[in-house]
Amino acid sequence: MMAEPSTEEKVVEIPAANNQQQIHVDDSKAVAMYVNFCRVTGTPEELIIDFGLNPQPFGVPTEPIAVTQRIVTNYYTAKRMLYALQMTLQRHESVFGVLETDVQRRVQPGAMRPAAPAGARAG
């Protein structure tokens, strides 16, 4: 009989060729942090992903962006991460609509016009 996962331990289902594999993940030492900046660089062997907070999200920042988190990984893991992110974003957009990444398009005046009253005819 398998013990139930603790509050720190999570079970993740990994799809395999014809079955599901379970991996136990302990995220008790994980640190959560909000970021709105990402920079990707790399070497022939590794991918380096830096995360930070840009206090000036519009235009070109006048102050340096402090990188607070860095992930160094190999390209195989990066490709698996890319696939997981793509699937997650596709699911999100299918429920909530397309995410517009161009800030200028999101904040344009008139971009969010009020809906026409019920029974109004298009002219």
N, C-alpha and C. Protein backbone atom coordinates (compact mmCIF):
# COMPACT_ATOMS: atom_id res chain seq x y z
N MET A 1 0.85 -1.17 0.00
CA MET A 1 0.00 0.00 0.00
C MET A 1 0.89 1.24 0.00
N MET A 2 0.56 2.21 -0.86
CA MET A 2 1.38 3.41 -1.00
C MET A 2 0.88 4.50 -0.06
N ALA A 3 1.79 5.18 0.62
CA ALA A 3 1.42 6.26 1.54
C ALA A 3 0.92 7.46 0.75
N GLU A 4 0.00 8.20 1.34
CA GLU A 4 -0.50 9.42 0.71
C GLU A 4 0.61 10.47 0.69
N PRO A 5 0.69 11.29 -0.36
CA PRO A 5 1.73 12.33 -0.40
C PRO A 5 1.53 13.34 0.73
N SER A 6 2.64 13.82 1.29
CA SER A 6 2.58 14.84 2.32
C SER A 6 2.18 16.16 1.68
N THR A 7 2.02 17.20 2.49
CA THR A 7 1.64 18.50 1.94
C THR A 7 2.73 19.06 1.04
N GLU A 8 3.98 18.64 1.24
CA GLU A 8 5.07 19.13 0.42
C GLU A 8 5.29 18.28 -0.83
N GLU A 9 4.80 17.06 -0.81
CA GLU A 9 5.08 16.14 -1.90
C GLU A 9 3.88 16.05 -2.83
N LYS A 10 4.12 16.18 -4.12
CA LYS A 10 3.07 16.11 -5.12
C LYS A 10 3.36 14.93 -6.05
N VAL A 11 2.32 14.34 -6.58
CA VAL A 11 2.48 13.27 -7.56
C VAL A 11 2.17 13.86 -8.92
N VAL A 12 3.10 13.72 -9.85
CA VAL A 12 2.94 14.24 -11.20
C VAL A 12 2.82 13.07 -12.15
N GLU A 13 1.77 13.08 -12.98
CA GLU A 13 1.59 12.02 -13.98
C GLU A 13 2.36 12.42 -15.24
N ILE A 14 3.23 11.54 -15.70
CA ILE A 14 4.02 11.77 -16.90
C ILE A 14 3.55 10.78 -17.97
N PRO A 15 3.03 11.29 -19.12
CA PRO A 15 2.60 10.35 -20.15
C PRO A 15 3.79 9.61 -20.75
N ALA A 16 3.70 8.32 -20.84
CA ALA A 16 4.72 7.50 -21.47
C ALA A 16 4.10 6.92 -22.75
N ALA A 17 4.80 6.04 -23.41
CA ALA A 17 4.33 5.49 -24.68
C ALA A 17 2.91 4.96 -24.58
N ASN A 18 2.63 4.02 -23.68
CA ASN A 18 1.30 3.45 -23.57
C ASN A 18 0.74 3.47 -22.15
N ASN A 19 1.43 4.12 -21.23
CA ASN A 19 0.94 4.15 -19.86
C ASN A 19 1.36 5.45 -19.19
N GLN A 20 0.86 5.65 -17.99
CA GLN A 20 1.21 6.83 -17.20
C GLN A 20 2.25 6.45 -16.16
N GLN A 21 3.26 7.28 -16.01
CA GLN A 21 4.25 7.07 -14.96
C GLN A 21 4.04 8.13 -13.90
N GLN A 22 4.18 7.75 -12.64
CA GLN A 22 4.04 8.71 -11.56
C GLN A 22 5.40 9.08 -11.01
N ILE A 23 5.61 10.38 -10.85
CA ILE A 23 6.84 10.89 -10.26
C ILE A 23 6.45 11.69 -9.03
N HIS A 24 7.10 11.43 -7.91
CA HIS A 24 6.84 12.17 -6.68
C HIS A 24 7.72 13.41 -6.66
N VAL A 25 7.12 14.57 -6.44
CA VAL A 25 7.83 15.85 -6.46
C VAL A 25 7.69 16.51 -5.10
N ASP A 26 8.81 16.89 -4.49
CA ASP A 26 8.80 17.60 -3.21
C ASP A 26 9.10 19.07 -3.50
N ASP A 27 8.08 19.92 -3.42
CA ASP A 27 8.28 21.34 -3.70
C ASP A 27 8.30 22.19 -2.42
N SER A 28 8.64 21.57 -1.29
CA SER A 28 8.65 22.28 -0.01
C SER A 28 9.73 23.35 0.06
N LYS A 29 10.78 23.24 -0.74
CA LYS A 29 11.86 24.24 -0.72
C LYS A 29 11.78 25.20 -1.90
N ALA A 30 10.71 25.11 -2.69
CA ALA A 30 10.55 26.01 -3.84
C ALA A 30 10.25 27.42 -3.37
N VAL A 31 10.80 28.41 -4.06
CA VAL A 31 10.57 29.81 -3.75
C VAL A 31 9.77 30.41 -4.90
N ALA A 32 8.61 30.96 -4.60
CA ALA A 32 7.78 31.59 -5.62
C ALA A 32 8.09 33.07 -5.68
N MET A 33 8.18 33.60 -6.88
CA MET A 33 8.48 35.01 -7.06
C MET A 33 7.81 35.49 -8.35
N TYR A 34 7.23 36.67 -8.33
CA TYR A 34 6.63 37.24 -9.53
C TYR A 34 7.71 37.84 -10.40
N VAL A 35 7.64 37.60 -11.70
CA VAL A 35 8.56 38.21 -12.67
C VAL A 35 7.76 38.69 -13.87
N ASN A 36 8.25 39.73 -14.52
CA ASN A 36 7.65 40.20 -15.76
C ASN A 36 8.72 40.44 -16.83
N PHE A 37 9.91 39.90 -16.58
CA PHE A 37 11.02 40.02 -17.51
C PHE A 37 11.72 38.68 -17.63
N CYS A 38 12.08 38.33 -18.85
CA CYS A 38 12.79 37.07 -19.09
C CYS A 38 13.83 37.30 -20.19
N ARG A 39 15.03 36.79 -19.96
CA ARG A 39 16.09 36.87 -20.97
C ARG A 39 16.63 35.47 -21.17
N VAL A 40 16.77 35.07 -22.43
CA VAL A 40 17.26 33.73 -22.74
C VAL A 40 18.59 33.85 -23.49
N THR A 41 19.61 33.18 -22.97
CA THR A 41 20.91 33.10 -23.62
C THR A 41 21.35 31.65 -23.54
N GLY A 42 22.46 31.35 -24.16
CA GLY A 42 22.89 29.97 -24.08
C GLY A 42 24.27 29.72 -24.63
N THR A 43 24.70 28.50 -24.44
CA THR A 43 25.95 27.99 -24.97
C THR A 43 25.57 26.80 -25.85
N PRO A 44 26.51 26.18 -26.53
CA PRO A 44 26.16 25.00 -27.31
C PRO A 44 25.61 23.85 -26.46
N GLU A 45 25.90 23.82 -25.17
CA GLU A 45 25.46 22.72 -24.30
C GLU A 45 24.30 23.09 -23.38
N GLU A 46 24.17 24.36 -23.02
CA GLU A 46 23.21 24.75 -22.00
C GLU A 46 22.40 25.98 -22.40
N LEU A 47 21.21 26.06 -21.84
CA LEU A 47 20.34 27.20 -22.03
C LEU A 47 20.26 27.93 -20.69
N ILE A 48 20.39 29.25 -20.71
CA ILE A 48 20.35 30.05 -19.50
C ILE A 48 19.15 30.98 -19.59
N ILE A 49 18.25 30.87 -18.62
CA ILE A 49 17.04 31.68 -18.61
C ILE A 49 17.06 32.52 -17.34
N ASP A 50 17.13 33.85 -17.52
CA ASP A 50 17.14 34.79 -16.40
C ASP A 50 15.76 35.40 -16.24
N PHE A 51 15.34 35.58 -14.98
CA PHE A 51 14.05 36.18 -14.67
C PHE A 51 14.26 37.36 -13.74
N GLY A 52 13.44 38.39 -13.90
CA GLY A 52 13.52 39.55 -13.03
C GLY A 52 12.26 40.37 -13.08
N LEU A 53 12.29 41.50 -12.38
CA LEU A 53 11.15 42.40 -12.33
C LEU A 53 11.54 43.71 -12.99
N ASN A 54 10.80 44.06 -14.04
CA ASN A 54 11.02 45.33 -14.74
C ASN A 54 10.03 46.34 -14.16
N PRO A 55 10.52 47.32 -13.38
CA PRO A 55 9.60 48.29 -12.77
C PRO A 55 9.03 49.27 -13.78
N GLN A 56 9.56 49.29 -15.00
CA GLN A 56 9.09 50.19 -16.06
C GLN A 56 8.66 49.34 -17.26
N PRO A 57 7.46 48.73 -17.22
CA PRO A 57 7.08 47.80 -18.28
C PRO A 57 6.78 48.46 -19.63
N PHE A 58 6.62 49.79 -19.67
CA PHE A 58 6.35 50.47 -20.94
C PHE A 58 7.61 51.17 -21.43
N GLY A 59 7.92 51.00 -22.70
CA GLY A 59 9.09 51.64 -23.27
C GLY A 59 10.38 50.95 -22.85
N VAL A 60 11.47 51.63 -23.08
CA VAL A 60 12.79 51.09 -22.74
C VAL A 60 13.13 51.48 -21.31
N PRO A 61 13.46 50.51 -20.46
CA PRO A 61 13.78 50.84 -19.06
C PRO A 61 14.99 51.76 -18.96
N THR A 62 14.92 52.71 -18.05
CA THR A 62 16.04 53.62 -17.84
C THR A 62 16.95 53.14 -16.72
N GLU A 63 16.46 52.19 -15.92
CA GLU A 63 17.25 51.61 -14.84
C GLU A 63 17.51 50.15 -15.16
N PRO A 64 18.62 49.60 -14.66
CA PRO A 64 18.89 48.17 -14.91
C PRO A 64 17.81 47.30 -14.28
N ILE A 65 17.49 46.20 -14.96
CA ILE A 65 16.53 45.23 -14.44
C ILE A 65 17.30 44.23 -13.60
N ALA A 66 16.89 44.08 -12.36
CA ALA A 66 17.57 43.16 -11.44
C ALA A 66 17.11 41.73 -11.74
N VAL A 67 18.05 40.88 -12.14
CA VAL A 67 17.75 39.47 -12.35
C VAL A 67 17.78 38.80 -10.98
N THR A 68 16.67 38.15 -10.62
CA THR A 68 16.56 37.54 -9.30
C THR A 68 16.54 36.02 -9.33
N GLN A 69 16.28 35.44 -10.49
CA GLN A 69 16.23 33.98 -10.62
C GLN A 69 16.90 33.59 -11.93
N ARG A 70 17.61 32.48 -11.92
CA ARG A 70 18.27 31.98 -13.13
C ARG A 70 18.09 30.47 -13.19
N ILE A 71 17.71 29.99 -14.36
CA ILE A 71 17.63 28.56 -14.61
C ILE A 71 18.69 28.23 -15.65
N VAL A 72 19.54 27.26 -15.36
CA VAL A 72 20.50 26.75 -16.33
C VAL A 72 20.11 25.31 -16.58
N THR A 73 19.84 24.99 -17.83
CA THR A 73 19.35 23.66 -18.15
C THR A 73 19.91 23.20 -19.49
N ASN A 74 19.73 21.93 -19.79
CA ASN A 74 20.18 21.43 -21.09
C ASN A 74 19.04 21.61 -22.09
N TYR A 75 19.35 21.46 -23.36
CA TYR A 75 18.36 21.71 -24.42
C TYR A 75 17.25 20.67 -24.42
N TYR A 76 17.50 19.46 -23.95
CA TYR A 76 16.45 18.44 -23.90
C TYR A 76 15.37 18.83 -22.89
N THR A 77 15.81 19.27 -21.71
CA THR A 77 14.86 19.71 -20.70
C THR A 77 14.15 20.98 -21.17
N ALA A 78 14.87 21.88 -21.82
CA ALA A 78 14.26 23.10 -22.35
C ALA A 78 13.17 22.78 -23.36
N LYS A 79 13.39 21.77 -24.19
CA LYS A 79 12.38 21.40 -25.18
C LYS A 79 11.15 20.80 -24.50
N ARG A 80 11.35 20.01 -23.45
CA ARG A 80 10.21 19.48 -22.68
C ARG A 80 9.46 20.62 -21.99
N MET A 81 10.19 21.60 -21.47
CA MET A 81 9.57 22.76 -20.84
C MET A 81 8.76 23.56 -21.86
N LEU A 82 9.32 23.75 -23.05
CA LEU A 82 8.62 24.45 -24.13
C LEU A 82 7.31 23.75 -24.46
N TYR A 83 7.33 22.43 -24.58
CA TYR A 83 6.13 21.67 -24.88
C TYR A 83 5.10 21.83 -23.77
N ALA A 84 5.52 21.75 -22.52
CA ALA A 84 4.59 21.89 -21.39
C ALA A 84 3.99 23.29 -21.36
N LEU A 85 4.79 24.32 -21.62
CA LEU A 85 4.27 25.68 -21.65
C LEU A 85 3.30 25.89 -22.81
N GLN A 86 3.64 25.34 -23.99
CA GLN A 86 2.74 25.47 -25.14
C GLN A 86 1.39 24.84 -24.86
N MET A 87 1.40 23.64 -24.30
CA MET A 87 0.13 22.96 -24.00
C MET A 87 -0.68 23.74 -22.96
N THR A 88 -0.01 24.27 -21.95
CA THR A 88 -0.69 25.03 -20.91
C THR A 88 -1.31 26.31 -21.48
N LEU A 89 -0.55 27.02 -22.33
CA LEU A 89 -1.06 28.24 -22.93
C LEU A 89 -2.22 27.96 -23.90
N GLN A 90 -2.13 26.87 -24.66
CA GLN A 90 -3.23 26.51 -25.56
C GLN A 90 -4.51 26.26 -24.78
N ARG A 91 -4.39 25.52 -23.67
CA ARG A 91 -5.57 25.26 -22.83
C ARG A 91 -6.14 26.56 -22.27
N HIS A 92 -5.26 27.45 -21.80
CA HIS A 92 -5.71 28.73 -21.23
C HIS A 92 -6.43 29.56 -22.30
N GLU A 93 -5.83 29.68 -23.49
CA GLU A 93 -6.44 30.48 -24.55
C GLU A 93 -7.75 29.88 -25.06
N SER A 94 -7.88 28.56 -25.02
CA SER A 94 -9.13 27.96 -25.47
C SER A 94 -10.28 28.30 -24.52
N VAL A 95 -9.97 28.57 -23.27
CA VAL A 95 -10.99 28.93 -22.29
C VAL A 95 -11.18 30.45 -22.20
N PHE A 96 -10.08 31.21 -22.17
CA PHE A 96 -10.16 32.64 -21.88
C PHE A 96 -9.89 33.54 -23.08
N GLY A 97 -9.53 33.00 -24.23
CA GLY A 97 -9.24 33.81 -25.40
C GLY A 97 -7.75 34.02 -25.59
N VAL A 98 -7.42 34.52 -26.76
CA VAL A 98 -6.02 34.71 -27.15
C VAL A 98 -5.35 35.75 -26.27
N LEU A 99 -4.14 35.47 -25.84
CA LEU A 99 -3.35 36.40 -25.04
C LEU A 99 -2.58 37.32 -25.99
N GLU A 100 -2.80 38.61 -25.89
CA GLU A 100 -2.10 39.59 -26.71
C GLU A 100 -0.81 39.97 -26.00
N THR A 101 0.33 39.67 -26.60
CA THR A 101 1.61 39.96 -25.96
C THR A 101 2.13 41.36 -26.26
N ASP A 102 1.55 42.02 -27.26
CA ASP A 102 1.96 43.39 -27.59
C ASP A 102 1.23 44.35 -26.64
N VAL A 103 1.96 44.94 -25.71
CA VAL A 103 1.36 45.81 -24.69
C VAL A 103 0.62 46.97 -25.35
N GLN A 104 1.17 47.54 -26.42
CA GLN A 104 0.54 48.69 -27.07
C GLN A 104 -0.84 48.34 -27.60
N ARG A 105 -1.01 47.14 -28.12
CA ARG A 105 -2.33 46.72 -28.62
C ARG A 105 -3.32 46.51 -27.48
N ARG A 106 -2.81 46.10 -26.32
CA ARG A 106 -3.70 45.87 -25.18
C ARG A 106 -4.20 47.16 -24.56
N VAL A 107 -3.43 48.25 -24.66
CA VAL A 107 -3.80 49.49 -23.98
C VAL A 107 -4.30 50.57 -24.92
N GLN A 108 -4.53 50.24 -26.20
CA GLN A 108 -5.00 51.24 -27.15
C GLN A 108 -6.38 51.75 -26.74
N PRO A 109 -6.57 53.09 -26.78
CA PRO A 109 -7.91 53.61 -26.51
C PRO A 109 -8.87 53.11 -27.59
N GLY A 110 -10.07 52.74 -27.16
CA GLY A 110 -11.07 52.28 -28.12
C GLY A 110 -10.96 50.81 -28.44
N ALA A 111 -9.90 50.17 -27.96
CA ALA A 111 -9.74 48.74 -28.26
C ALA A 111 -10.83 47.93 -27.56
N MET A 112 -11.30 48.43 -26.43
CA MET A 112 -12.36 47.75 -25.69
C MET A 112 -13.62 48.59 -25.82
N ARG A 113 -14.33 48.43 -26.91
CA ARG A 113 -15.57 49.17 -27.11
C ARG A 113 -16.71 48.47 -26.39
N PRO A 114 -17.66 49.26 -25.87
CA PRO A 114 -18.80 48.61 -25.21
C PRO A 114 -19.64 47.85 -26.24
N ALA A 115 -20.25 46.77 -25.79
CA ALA A 115 -21.09 45.97 -26.68
C ALA A 115 -22.33 46.76 -27.06
N ALA A 116 -22.84 46.49 -28.26
CA ALA A 116 -24.06 47.16 -28.72
C ALA A 116 -25.23 46.68 -27.88
N PRO A 117 -26.21 47.56 -27.61
CA PRO A 117 -27.38 47.14 -26.84
C PRO A 117 -28.13 46.02 -27.54
N ALA A 118 -28.80 45.19 -26.78
CA ALA A 118 -29.56 44.08 -27.36
C ALA A 118 -30.58 44.62 -28.33
N GLY A 119 -30.70 43.98 -29.46
CA GLY A 119 -31.68 44.38 -30.47
C GLY A 119 -31.17 45.46 -31.41
N ALA A 120 -29.98 46.02 -31.15
CA ALA A 120 -29.44 47.05 -32.03
C ALA A 120 -28.99 46.44 -33.33
N ARG A 121 -29.17 47.15 -34.42
CA ARG A 121 -28.77 46.64 -35.73
C ARG A 121 -27.41 47.19 -36.11
N ALA A 122 -26.62 46.34 -36.74
CA ALA A 122 -25.32 46.79 -37.24
C ALA A 122 -25.56 47.68 -38.44
N GLY A 123 -24.82 48.75 -38.54
CA GLY A 123 -25.08 49.66 -39.62
C GLY A 123 -24.01 49.78 -40.52
